[in-house]
Structures are given as structure tokens and as C-alpha cells.
Amino acid sequence: MAIYSIAYDLFQPQEYQAFYECLEAFPHVHVMDSLWLIQANEEAGALRDRLMPLISGGDALFVSRVSQDWAGAGTQCGEWLNAPERHQALASRSTSA
């Protein structure tokens, strides 16, 4: 498993409940208004492909794998990232380009 940062801008006035439920289905922490960290077995592209149908065409989505080198201030994610069950996920490296 790996840790991914999911950032988004949702511009369309519609219901995004399915989008949020999809994020909540993973081990996660809601870091800021438009930023979540999730733990997943999928690659970034697969996560993007899973989330895109749940938002509108004019919305923006960015998915990135998180490494061991991270820093934060004023967020609640440090405890979540430092939990023992995340150590291996942060240490693992993807073999794909």
C-alpha cells in the first residue's frame, strides 16, 4: 500500500456525495478543505480514473504519491502519517515510472 495526496477544485454546483464517499472508503485523513491523504493499493492514475467520473468535467483533480519526506503546519495529518500502519506505505517505492 502507498499513501496518496488527493487535491481538487470542485467548480460545478452539484452533489459530490459519491466523490467524498469514495475517498472515505480508503484509510484516510481529510487534511484541508480540498486535500485528503489516502492509503491505497492502486497507482495514481488508477485512483484518478476512479475519482474522475464522480466529479464534473470542469472540476480539477490531482493525485500524487507521498514519500517519507513531508512537512506540514497547522494540519491534523502528522499523527495519521506517523501511525505504525503507515510506515511501510511511506517507505515503499513504486517501480513504475
PDB file of N, CA and C in Angstrom:
ATOM      1  N   MET A   1       0.833  -1.188   0.000  1.00  0.00           N
ATOM      2  CA  MET A   1       0.000   0.000   0.000  1.00  0.00           C
ATOM      3  C   MET A   1       0.873   1.244   0.000  1.00  0.00           C
ATOM      4  N   ALA A   2       0.347   2.308  -0.538  1.00  0.00           N
ATOM      5  CA  ALA A   2       1.047   3.587  -0.593  1.00  0.00           C
ATOM      6  C   ALA A   2       0.119   4.685  -0.083  1.00  0.00           C
ATOM      7  N   ILE A   3       0.707   5.834   0.215  1.00  0.00           N
ATOM      8  CA  ILE A   3      -0.056   6.994   0.641  1.00  0.00           C
ATOM      9  C   ILE A   3      -0.135   7.954  -0.544  1.00  0.00           C
ATOM     10  N   TYR A   4      -1.337   8.437  -0.830  1.00  0.00           N
ATOM     11  CA  TYR A   4      -1.550   9.375  -1.926  1.00  0.00           C
ATOM     12  C   TYR A   4      -2.193  10.649  -1.420  1.00  0.00           C
ATOM     13  N   SER A   5      -1.766  11.753  -2.000  1.00  0.00           N
ATOM     14  CA  SER A   5      -2.372  13.055  -1.770  1.00  0.00           C
ATOM     15  C   SER A   5      -3.413  13.267  -2.866  1.00  0.00           C
ATOM     16  N   ILE A   6      -4.625  13.602  -2.469  1.00  0.00           N
ATOM     17  CA  ILE A   6      -5.712  13.872  -3.410  1.00  0.00           C
ATOM     18  C   ILE A   6      -6.108  15.335  -3.227  1.00  0.00           C
ATOM     19  N   ALA A   7      -5.847  16.156  -4.233  1.00  0.00           N
ATOM     20  CA  ALA A   7      -6.207  17.574  -4.193  1.00  0.00           C
ATOM     21  C   ALA A   7      -7.220  17.842  -5.302  1.00  0.00           C
ATOM     22  N   TYR A   8      -8.150  18.751  -5.052  1.00  0.00           N
ATOM     23  CA  TYR A   8      -9.201  19.003  -6.033  1.00  0.00           C
ATOM     24  C   TYR A   8      -9.771  20.403  -5.890  1.00  0.00           C
ATOM     25  N   ASP A   9     -10.337  20.891  -6.994  1.00  0.00           N
ATOM     26  CA  ASP A   9     -11.165  22.089  -7.032  1.00  0.00           C
ATOM     27  C   ASP A   9     -12.464  21.667  -7.691  1.00  0.00           C
ATOM     28  N   LEU A  10     -13.546  21.767  -6.955  1.00  0.00           N
ATOM     29  CA  LEU A  10     -14.860  21.376  -7.460  1.00  0.00           C
ATOM     30  C   LEU A  10     -15.632  22.648  -7.780  1.00  0.00           C
ATOM     31  N   PHE A  11     -15.792  22.945  -9.074  1.00  0.00           N
ATOM     32  CA  PHE A  11     -16.368  24.210  -9.521  1.00  0.00           C
ATOM     33  C   PHE A  11     -17.862  24.140  -9.813  1.00  0.00           C
ATOM     34  N   GLN A  12     -18.360  22.994 -10.145  1.00  0.00           N
ATOM     35  CA  GLN A  12     -19.741  22.868 -10.587  1.00  0.00           C
ATOM     36  C   GLN A  12     -20.694  22.734  -9.403  1.00  0.00           C
ATOM     37  N   PRO A  13     -21.826  23.426  -9.461  1.00  0.00           N
ATOM     38  CA  PRO A  13     -22.808  23.307  -8.367  1.00  0.00           C
ATOM     39  C   PRO A  13     -23.592  21.997  -8.479  1.00  0.00           C
ATOM     40  N   GLN A  14     -23.032  20.950  -7.953  1.00  0.00           N
ATOM     41  CA  GLN A  14     -23.707  19.655  -7.990  1.00  0.00           C
ATOM     42  C   GLN A  14     -23.427  18.918  -6.693  1.00  0.00           C
ATOM     43  N   GLU A  15     -24.025  17.789  -6.555  1.00  0.00           N
ATOM     44  CA  GLU A  15     -23.850  16.952  -5.369  1.00  0.00           C
ATOM     45  C   GLU A  15     -22.602  16.090  -5.559  1.00  0.00           C
ATOM     46  N   TYR A  16     -21.683  16.160  -4.617  1.00  0.00           N
ATOM     47  CA  TYR A  16     -20.428  15.412  -4.691  1.00  0.00           C
ATOM     48  C   TYR A  16     -20.366  14.294  -3.657  1.00  0.00           C
ATOM     49  N   GLN A  17     -21.491  13.846  -3.163  1.00  0.00           N
ATOM     50  CA  GLN A  17     -21.515  12.843  -2.104  1.00  0.00           C
ATOM     51  C   GLN A  17     -20.766  11.567  -2.502  1.00  0.00           C
ATOM     52  N   ALA A  18     -20.953  11.105  -3.724  1.00  0.00           N
ATOM     53  CA  ALA A  18     -20.278   9.875  -4.174  1.00  0.00           C
ATOM     54  C   ALA A  18     -18.758  10.059  -4.198  1.00  0.00           C
ATOM     55  N   PHE A  19     -18.291  11.243  -4.550  1.00  0.00           N
ATOM     56  CA  PHE A  19     -16.855  11.546  -4.555  1.00  0.00           C
ATOM     57  C   PHE A  19     -16.291  11.428  -3.140  1.00  0.00           C
ATOM     58  N   TYR A  20     -16.961  12.061  -2.188  1.00  0.00           N
ATOM     59  CA  TYR A  20     -16.488  12.014  -0.799  1.00  0.00           C
ATOM     60  C   TYR A  20     -16.598  10.608  -0.210  1.00  0.00           C
ATOM     61  N   GLU A  21     -17.648   9.884  -0.559  1.00  0.00           N
ATOM     62  CA  GLU A  21     -17.789   8.505  -0.071  1.00  0.00           C
ATOM     63  C   GLU A  21     -16.672   7.624  -0.611  1.00  0.00           C
ATOM     64  N   CYS A  22     -16.257   7.850  -1.839  1.00  0.00           N
ATOM     65  CA  CYS A  22     -15.152   7.080  -2.419  1.00  0.00           C
ATOM     66  C   CYS A  22     -13.865   7.351  -1.639  1.00  0.00           C
ATOM     67  N   LEU A  23     -13.580   8.617  -1.345  1.00  0.00           N
ATOM     68  CA  LEU A  23     -12.388   8.948  -0.557  1.00  0.00           C
ATOM     69  C   LEU A  23     -12.460   8.323   0.831  1.00  0.00           C
ATOM     70  N   GLU A  24     -13.634   8.386   1.450  1.00  0.00           N
ATOM     71  CA  GLU A  24     -13.806   7.859   2.805  1.00  0.00           C
ATOM     72  C   GLU A  24     -13.704   6.340   2.867  1.00  0.00           C
ATOM     73  N   ALA A  25     -13.834   5.658   1.724  1.00  0.00           N
ATOM     74  CA  ALA A  25     -13.748   4.196   1.693  1.00  0.00           C
ATOM     75  C   ALA A  25     -12.314   3.711   1.937  1.00  0.00           C
ATOM     76  N   PHE A  26     -11.340   4.575   1.742  1.00  0.00           N
ATOM     77  CA  PHE A  26      -9.934   4.249   1.983  1.00  0.00           C
ATOM     78  C   PHE A  26      -9.554   4.671   3.400  1.00  0.00           C
ATOM     79  N   PRO A  27      -8.512   4.062   3.987  1.00  0.00           N
ATOM     80  CA  PRO A  27      -7.938   4.668   5.193  1.00  0.00           C
ATOM     81  C   PRO A  27      -7.513   6.089   4.787  1.00  0.00           C
ATOM     82  N   HIS A  28      -7.931   7.091   5.538  1.00  0.00           N
ATOM     83  CA  HIS A  28      -7.749   8.464   5.078  1.00  0.00           C
ATOM     84  C   HIS A  28      -7.646   9.462   6.223  1.00  0.00           C
ATOM     85  N   VAL A  29      -7.197  10.653   5.866  1.00  0.00           N
ATOM     86  CA  VAL A  29      -7.281  11.824   6.734  1.00  0.00           C
ATOM     87  C   VAL A  29      -7.621  13.000   5.817  1.00  0.00           C
ATOM     88  N   HIS A  30      -8.602  13.804   6.242  1.00  0.00           N
ATOM     89  CA  HIS A  30      -9.014  14.993   5.500  1.00  0.00           C
ATOM     90  C   HIS A  30      -8.149  16.142   6.008  1.00  0.00           C
ATOM     91  N   VAL A  31      -7.121  16.487   5.262  1.00  0.00           N
ATOM     92  CA  VAL A  31      -6.080  17.413   5.707  1.00  0.00           C
ATOM     93  C   VAL A  31      -6.559  18.863   5.688  1.00  0.00           C
ATOM     94  N   MET A  32      -7.103  19.294   4.568  1.00  0.00           N
ATOM     95  CA  MET A  32      -7.607  20.656   4.391  1.00  0.00           C
ATOM     96  C   MET A  32      -8.869  20.587   3.547  1.00  0.00           C
ATOM     97  N   ASP A  33      -9.498  21.736   3.311  1.00  0.00           N
ATOM     98  CA  ASP A  33     -10.766  21.742   2.583  1.00  0.00           C
ATOM     99  C   ASP A  33     -10.734  20.894   1.318  1.00  0.00           C
ATOM    100  N   SER A  34      -9.708  21.029   0.520  1.00  0.00           N
ATOM    101  CA  SER A  34      -9.633  20.334  -0.769  1.00  0.00           C
ATOM    102  C   SER A  34      -8.445  19.391  -0.866  1.00  0.00           C
ATOM    103  N   LEU A  35      -8.022  18.847   0.267  1.00  0.00           N
ATOM    104  CA  LEU A  35      -6.865  17.942   0.271  1.00  0.00           C
ATOM    105  C   LEU A  35      -7.087  16.791   1.242  1.00  0.00           C
ATOM    106  N   TRP A  36      -6.966  15.589   0.725  1.00  0.00           N
ATOM    107  CA  TRP A  36      -7.064  14.368   1.526  1.00  0.00           C
ATOM    108  C   TRP A  36      -5.789  13.569   1.326  1.00  0.00           C
ATOM    109  N   LEU A  37      -5.442  12.771   2.318  1.00  0.00           N
ATOM    110  CA  LEU A  37      -4.427  11.734   2.179  1.00  0.00           C
ATOM    111  C   LEU A  37      -5.145  10.410   2.331  1.00  0.00           C
ATOM    112  N   ILE A  38      -4.881   9.490   1.408  1.00  0.00           N
ATOM    113  CA  ILE A  38      -5.489   8.164   1.489  1.00  0.00           C
ATOM    114  C   ILE A  38      -4.402   7.110   1.375  1.00  0.00           C
ATOM    115  N   GLN A  39      -4.696   5.922   1.892  1.00  0.00           N
ATOM    116  CA  GLN A  39      -3.799   4.778   1.759  1.00  0.00           C
ATOM    117  C   GLN A  39      -4.470   3.815   0.800  1.00  0.00           C
ATOM    118  N   ALA A  40      -3.754   3.437  -0.270  1.00  0.00           N
ATOM    119  CA  ALA A  40      -4.367   2.609  -1.310  1.00  0.00           C
ATOM    120  C   ALA A  40      -3.346   1.694  -1.963  1.00  0.00           C
ATOM    121  N   ASN A  41      -3.838   0.606  -2.542  1.00  0.00           N
ATOM    122  CA  ASN A  41      -3.012  -0.334  -3.302  1.00  0.00           C
ATOM    123  C   ASN A  41      -2.876   0.077  -4.763  1.00  0.00           C
ATOM    124  N   GLU A  42      -3.681   1.010  -5.213  1.00  0.00           N
ATOM    125  CA  GLU A  42      -3.714   1.405  -6.617  1.00  0.00           C
ATOM    126  C   GLU A  42      -2.624   2.422  -6.938  1.00  0.00           C
ATOM    127  N   GLU A  43      -2.331   2.572  -8.205  1.00  0.00           N
ATOM    128  CA  GLU A  43      -1.411   3.603  -8.685  1.00  0.00           C
ATOM    129  C   GLU A  43      -2.174   4.922  -8.815  1.00  0.00           C
ATOM    130  N   ALA A  44      -1.441   6.017  -8.923  1.00  0.00           N
ATOM    131  CA  ALA A  44      -2.055   7.343  -9.003  1.00  0.00           C
ATOM    132  C   ALA A  44      -3.035   7.451 -10.173  1.00  0.00           C
ATOM    133  N   GLY A  45      -2.657   6.947 -11.327  1.00  0.00           N
ATOM    134  CA  GLY A  45      -3.540   7.011 -12.494  1.00  0.00           C
ATOM    135  C   GLY A  45      -4.835   6.251 -12.293  1.00  0.00           C
ATOM    136  N   ALA A  46      -4.759   5.101 -11.656  1.00  0.00           N
ATOM    137  CA  ALA A  46      -5.965   4.313 -11.384  1.00  0.00           C
ATOM    138  C   ALA A  46      -6.871   5.034 -10.391  1.00  0.00           C
ATOM    139  N   LEU A  47      -6.284   5.680  -9.396  1.00  0.00           N
ATOM    140  CA  LEU A  47      -7.087   6.453  -8.444  1.00  0.00           C
ATOM    141  C   LEU A  47      -7.766   7.623  -9.147  1.00  0.00           C
ATOM    142  N   ARG A  48      -7.016   8.321  -9.997  1.00  0.00           N
ATOM    143  CA  ARG A  48      -7.606   9.408 -10.782  1.00  0.00           C
ATOM    144  C   ARG A  48      -8.774   8.897 -11.612  1.00  0.00           C
ATOM    145  N   ASP A  49      -8.576   7.770 -12.289  1.00  0.00           N
ATOM    146  CA  ASP A  49      -9.624   7.216 -13.138  1.00  0.00           C
ATOM    147  C   ASP A  49     -10.846   6.803 -12.333  1.00  0.00           C
ATOM    148  N   ARG A  50     -10.662   6.389 -11.106  1.00  0.00           N
ATOM    149  CA  ARG A  50     -11.777   6.005 -10.244  1.00  0.00           C
ATOM    150  C   ARG A  50     -12.566   7.238  -9.782  1.00  0.00           C
ATOM    151  N   LEU A  51     -11.847   8.330  -9.499  1.00  0.00           N
ATOM    152  CA  LEU A  51     -12.483   9.537  -8.962  1.00  0.00           C
ATOM    153  C   LEU A  51     -13.092  10.446 -10.032  1.00  0.00           C
ATOM    154  N   MET A  52     -12.515  10.492 -11.218  1.00  0.00           N
ATOM    155  CA  MET A  52     -12.968  11.422 -12.257  1.00  0.00           C
ATOM    156  C   MET A  52     -14.450  11.297 -12.604  1.00  0.00           C
ATOM    157  N   PRO A  53     -15.015  10.098 -12.711  1.00  0.00           N
ATOM    158  CA  PRO A  53     -16.443  10.016 -13.039  1.00  0.00           C
ATOM    159  C   PRO A  53     -17.352  10.586 -11.940  1.00  0.00           C
ATOM    160  N   LEU A  54     -16.800  10.834 -10.767  1.00  0.00           N
ATOM    161  CA  LEU A  54     -17.597  11.305  -9.639  1.00  0.00           C
ATOM    162  C   LEU A  54     -17.603  12.826  -9.514  1.00  0.00           C
ATOM    163  N   ILE A  55     -16.873  13.511 -10.412  1.00  0.00           N
ATOM    164  CA  ILE A  55     -16.856  14.972 -10.408  1.00  0.00           C
ATOM    165  C   ILE A  55     -17.244  15.469 -11.794  1.00  0.00           C
ATOM    166  N   SER A  56     -17.451  16.775 -11.937  1.00  0.00           N
ATOM    167  CA  SER A  56     -17.864  17.352 -13.219  1.00  0.00           C
ATOM    168  C   SER A  56     -16.674  17.607 -14.132  1.00  0.00           C
ATOM    169  N   GLY A  57     -16.959  17.764 -15.416  1.00  0.00           N
ATOM    170  CA  GLY A  57     -15.914  17.976 -16.405  1.00  0.00           C
ATOM    171  C   GLY A  57     -15.075  19.218 -16.178  1.00  0.00           C
ATOM    172  N   GLY A  58     -15.635  20.255 -15.586  1.00  0.00           N
ATOM    173  CA  GLY A  58     -14.896  21.486 -15.345  1.00  0.00           C
ATOM    174  C   GLY A  58     -14.109  21.496 -14.051  1.00  0.00           C
ATOM    175  N   ASP A  59     -14.216  20.433 -13.263  1.00  0.00           N
ATOM    176  CA  ASP A  59     -13.508  20.351 -11.987  1.00  0.00           C
ATOM    177  C   ASP A  59     -12.058  19.928 -12.214  1.00  0.00           C
ATOM    178  N   ALA A  60     -11.221  20.114 -11.198  1.00  0.00           N
ATOM    179  CA  ALA A  60      -9.807  19.745 -11.297  1.00  0.00           C
ATOM    180  C   ALA A  60      -9.471  18.720 -10.222  1.00  0.00           C
ATOM    181  N   LEU A  61      -8.576  17.787 -10.562  1.00  0.00           N
ATOM    182  CA  LEU A  61      -8.176  16.722  -9.646  1.00  0.00           C
ATOM    183  C   LEU A  61      -6.687  16.459  -9.819  1.00  0.00           C
ATOM    184  N   PHE A  62      -5.970  16.293  -8.700  1.00  0.00           N
ATOM    185  CA  PHE A  62      -4.544  15.983  -8.737  1.00  0.00           C
ATOM    186  C   PHE A  62      -4.276  14.872  -7.736  1.00  0.00           C
ATOM    187  N   VAL A  63      -3.597  13.807  -8.187  1.00  0.00           N
ATOM    188  CA  VAL A  63      -3.266  12.661  -7.341  1.00  0.00           C
ATOM    189  C   VAL A  63      -1.752  12.483  -7.375  1.00  0.00           C
ATOM    190  N   SER A  64      -1.138  12.380  -6.200  1.00  0.00           N
ATOM    191  CA  SER A  64       0.314  12.244  -6.122  1.00  0.00           C
ATOM    192  C   SER A  64       0.689  11.320  -4.975  1.00  0.00           C
ATOM    193  N   ARG A  65       1.683  10.482  -5.200  1.00  0.00           N
ATOM    194  CA  ARG A  65       2.174   9.591  -4.150  1.00  0.00           C
ATOM    195  C   ARG A  65       3.018  10.375  -3.150  1.00  0.00           C
ATOM    196  N   VAL A  66       2.824  10.130  -1.866  1.00  0.00           N
ATOM    197  CA  VAL A  66       3.546  10.826  -0.799  1.00  0.00           C
ATOM    198  C   VAL A  66       4.746   9.986  -0.379  1.00  0.00           C
ATOM    199  N   SER A  67       5.876  10.634  -0.193  1.00  0.00           N
ATOM    200  CA  SER A  67       7.090   9.940   0.236  1.00  0.00           C
ATOM    201  C   SER A  67       7.311  10.141   1.727  1.00  0.00           C
ATOM    202  N   GLN A  68       8.422   9.644   2.212  1.00  0.00           N
ATOM    203  CA  GLN A  68       8.773   9.828   3.614  1.00  0.00           C
ATOM    204  C   GLN A  68       9.124  11.277   3.911  1.00  0.00           C
ATOM    205  N   ASP A  69       9.506  12.029   2.914  1.00  0.00           N
ATOM    206  CA  ASP A  69       9.914  13.416   3.104  1.00  0.00           C
ATOM    207  C   ASP A  69       8.693  14.315   2.974  1.00  0.00           C
ATOM    208  N   TRP A  70       8.081  14.638   4.091  1.00  0.00           N
ATOM    209  CA  TRP A  70       6.917  15.516   4.099  1.00  0.00           C
ATOM    210  C   TRP A  70       7.020  16.457   5.295  1.00  0.00           C
ATOM    211  N   ALA A  71       6.314  17.547   5.204  1.00  0.00           N
ATOM    212  CA  ALA A  71       6.269  18.514   6.301  1.00  0.00           C
ATOM    213  C   ALA A  71       4.910  19.191   6.274  1.00  0.00           C
ATOM    214  N   GLY A  72       4.411  19.574   7.416  1.00  0.00           N
ATOM    215  CA  GLY A  72       3.128  20.249   7.492  1.00  0.00           C
ATOM    216  C   GLY A  72       3.102  21.213   8.661  1.00  0.00           C
ATOM    217  N   ALA A  73       2.166  22.141   8.614  1.00  0.00           N
ATOM    218  CA  ALA A  73       1.963  23.085   9.708  1.00  0.00           C
ATOM    219  C   ALA A  73       0.480  23.416   9.769  1.00  0.00           C
ATOM    220  N   GLY A  74      -0.081  23.372  10.947  1.00  0.00           N
ATOM    221  CA  GLY A  74      -1.484  23.718  11.119  1.00  0.00           C
ATOM    222  C   GLY A  74      -2.454  22.685  10.579  1.00  0.00           C
ATOM    223  N   THR A  75      -1.994  21.456  10.366  1.00  0.00           N
ATOM    224  CA  THR A  75      -2.874  20.393   9.867  1.00  0.00           C
ATOM    225  C   THR A  75      -2.941  19.268  10.888  1.00  0.00           C
ATOM    226  N   GLN A  76      -3.867  18.365  10.667  1.00  0.00           N
ATOM    227  CA  GLN A  76      -4.060  17.228  11.561  1.00  0.00           C
ATOM    228  C   GLN A  76      -3.479  15.940  10.987  1.00  0.00           C
ATOM    229  N   CYS A  77      -2.662  16.028   9.949  1.00  0.00           N
ATOM    230  CA  CYS A  77      -2.221  14.813   9.261  1.00  0.00           C
ATOM    231  C   CYS A  77      -0.990  14.158   9.872  1.00  0.00           C
ATOM    232  N   GLY A  78      -0.215  14.852  10.673  1.00  0.00           N
ATOM    233  CA  GLY A  78       1.023  14.291  11.208  1.00  0.00           C
ATOM    234  C   GLY A  78       0.819  13.018  11.991  1.00  0.00           C
ATOM    235  N   GLU A  79      -0.155  13.011  12.882  1.00  0.00           N
ATOM    236  CA  GLU A  79      -0.431  11.813  13.683  1.00  0.00           C
ATOM    237  C   GLU A  79      -0.844  10.654  12.786  1.00  0.00           C
ATOM    238  N   TRP A  80      -1.668  10.928  11.781  1.00  0.00           N
ATOM    239  CA  TRP A  80      -2.126   9.887  10.861  1.00  0.00           C
ATOM    240  C   TRP A  80      -0.942   9.326  10.072  1.00  0.00           C
ATOM    241  N   LEU A  81      -0.099  10.204   9.533  1.00  0.00           N
ATOM    242  CA  LEU A  81       1.057   9.750   8.757  1.00  0.00           C
ATOM    243  C   LEU A  81       2.076   9.017   9.611  1.00  0.00           C
ATOM    244  N   ASN A  82       2.212   9.391  10.858  1.00  0.00           N
ATOM    245  CA  ASN A  82       3.198   8.767  11.742  1.00  0.00           C
ATOM    246  C   ASN A  82       2.710   7.483  12.400  1.00  0.00           C
ATOM    247  N   ALA A  83       1.470   7.092  12.165  1.00  0.00           N
ATOM    248  CA  ALA A  83       0.939   5.857  12.744  1.00  0.00           C
ATOM    249  C   ALA A  83       1.729   4.660  12.216  1.00  0.00           C
ATOM    250  N   PRO A  84       1.976   3.652  13.063  1.00  0.00           N
ATOM    251  CA  PRO A  84       2.772   2.488  12.648  1.00  0.00           C
ATOM    252  C   PRO A  84       2.265   1.820  11.371  1.00  0.00           C
ATOM    253  N   GLU A  85       0.960   1.774  11.165  1.00  0.00           N
ATOM    254  CA  GLU A  85       0.428   1.103   9.974  1.00  0.00           C
ATOM    255  C   GLU A  85       0.726   1.871   8.689  1.00  0.00           C
ATOM    256  N   ARG A  86       1.228   3.091   8.747  1.00  0.00           N
ATOM    257  CA  ARG A  86       1.577   3.870   7.560  1.00  0.00           C
ATOM    258  C   ARG A  86       3.080   3.833   7.255  1.00  0.00           C
ATOM    259  N   HIS A  87       3.899   3.423   8.205  1.00  0.00           N
ATOM    260  CA  HIS A  87       5.355   3.449   7.996  1.00  0.00           C
ATOM    261  C   HIS A  87       5.768   2.686   6.746  1.00  0.00           C
ATOM    262  N   GLN A  88       5.257   1.489   6.559  1.00  0.00           N
ATOM    263  CA  GLN A  88       5.626   0.698   5.388  1.00  0.00           C
ATOM    264  C   GLN A  88       5.101   1.345   4.114  1.00  0.00           C
ATOM    265  N   ALA A  89       3.896   1.910   4.174  1.00  0.00           N
ATOM    266  CA  ALA A  89       3.326   2.549   2.987  1.00  0.00           C
ATOM    267  C   ALA A  89       4.165   3.741   2.546  1.00  0.00           C
ATOM    268  N   LEU A  90       4.677   4.509   3.493  1.00  0.00           N
ATOM    269  CA  LEU A  90       5.519   5.651   3.146  1.00  0.00           C
ATOM    270  C   LEU A  90       6.899   5.210   2.678  1.00  0.00           C
ATOM    271  N   ALA A  91       7.384   4.102   3.203  1.00  0.00           N
ATOM    272  CA  ALA A  91       8.718   3.618   2.849  1.00  0.00           C
ATOM    273  C   ALA A  91       8.733   2.899   1.506  1.00  0.00           C
ATOM    274  N   SER A  92       7.603   2.315   1.094  1.00  0.00           N
ATOM    275  CA  SER A  92       7.571   1.559  -0.159  1.00  0.00           C
ATOM    276  C   SER A  92       7.718   2.508  -1.335  1.00  0.00           C
ATOM    277  N   ARG A  93       8.349   2.018  -2.378  1.00  0.00           N
ATOM    278  CA  ARG A  93       8.576   2.833  -3.566  1.00  0.00           C
ATOM    279  C   ARG A  93       7.949   2.142  -4.752  1.00  0.00           C
ATOM    280  N   SER A  94       7.359   2.911  -5.615  1.00  0.00           N
ATOM    281  CA  SER A  94       6.755   2.387  -6.830  1.00  0.00           C
ATOM    282  C   SER A  94       7.854   2.015  -7.819  1.00  0.00           C
ATOM    283  N   THR A  95       7.655   0.922  -8.547  1.00  0.00           N
ATOM    284  CA  THR A  95       8.624   0.511  -9.567  1.00  0.00           C
ATOM    285  C   THR A  95       8.235   1.038 -10.936  1.00  0.00           C
ATOM    286  N   SER A  96       7.046   1.646 -11.048  1.00  0.00           N
ATOM    287  CA  SER A  96       6.632   2.171 -12.346  1.00  0.00           C
ATOM    288  C   SER A  96       7.047   3.629 -12.482  1.00  0.00           C
ATOM    289  N   ALA A  97       7.187   4.073 -13.714  1.00  0.00           N
ATOM    290  CA  ALA A  97       7.603   5.461 -13.969  1.00  0.00           C
ATOM    291  C   ALA A  97       6.419   6.384 -13.979  1.00  0.00           C
TER     292      ALA A  97
END
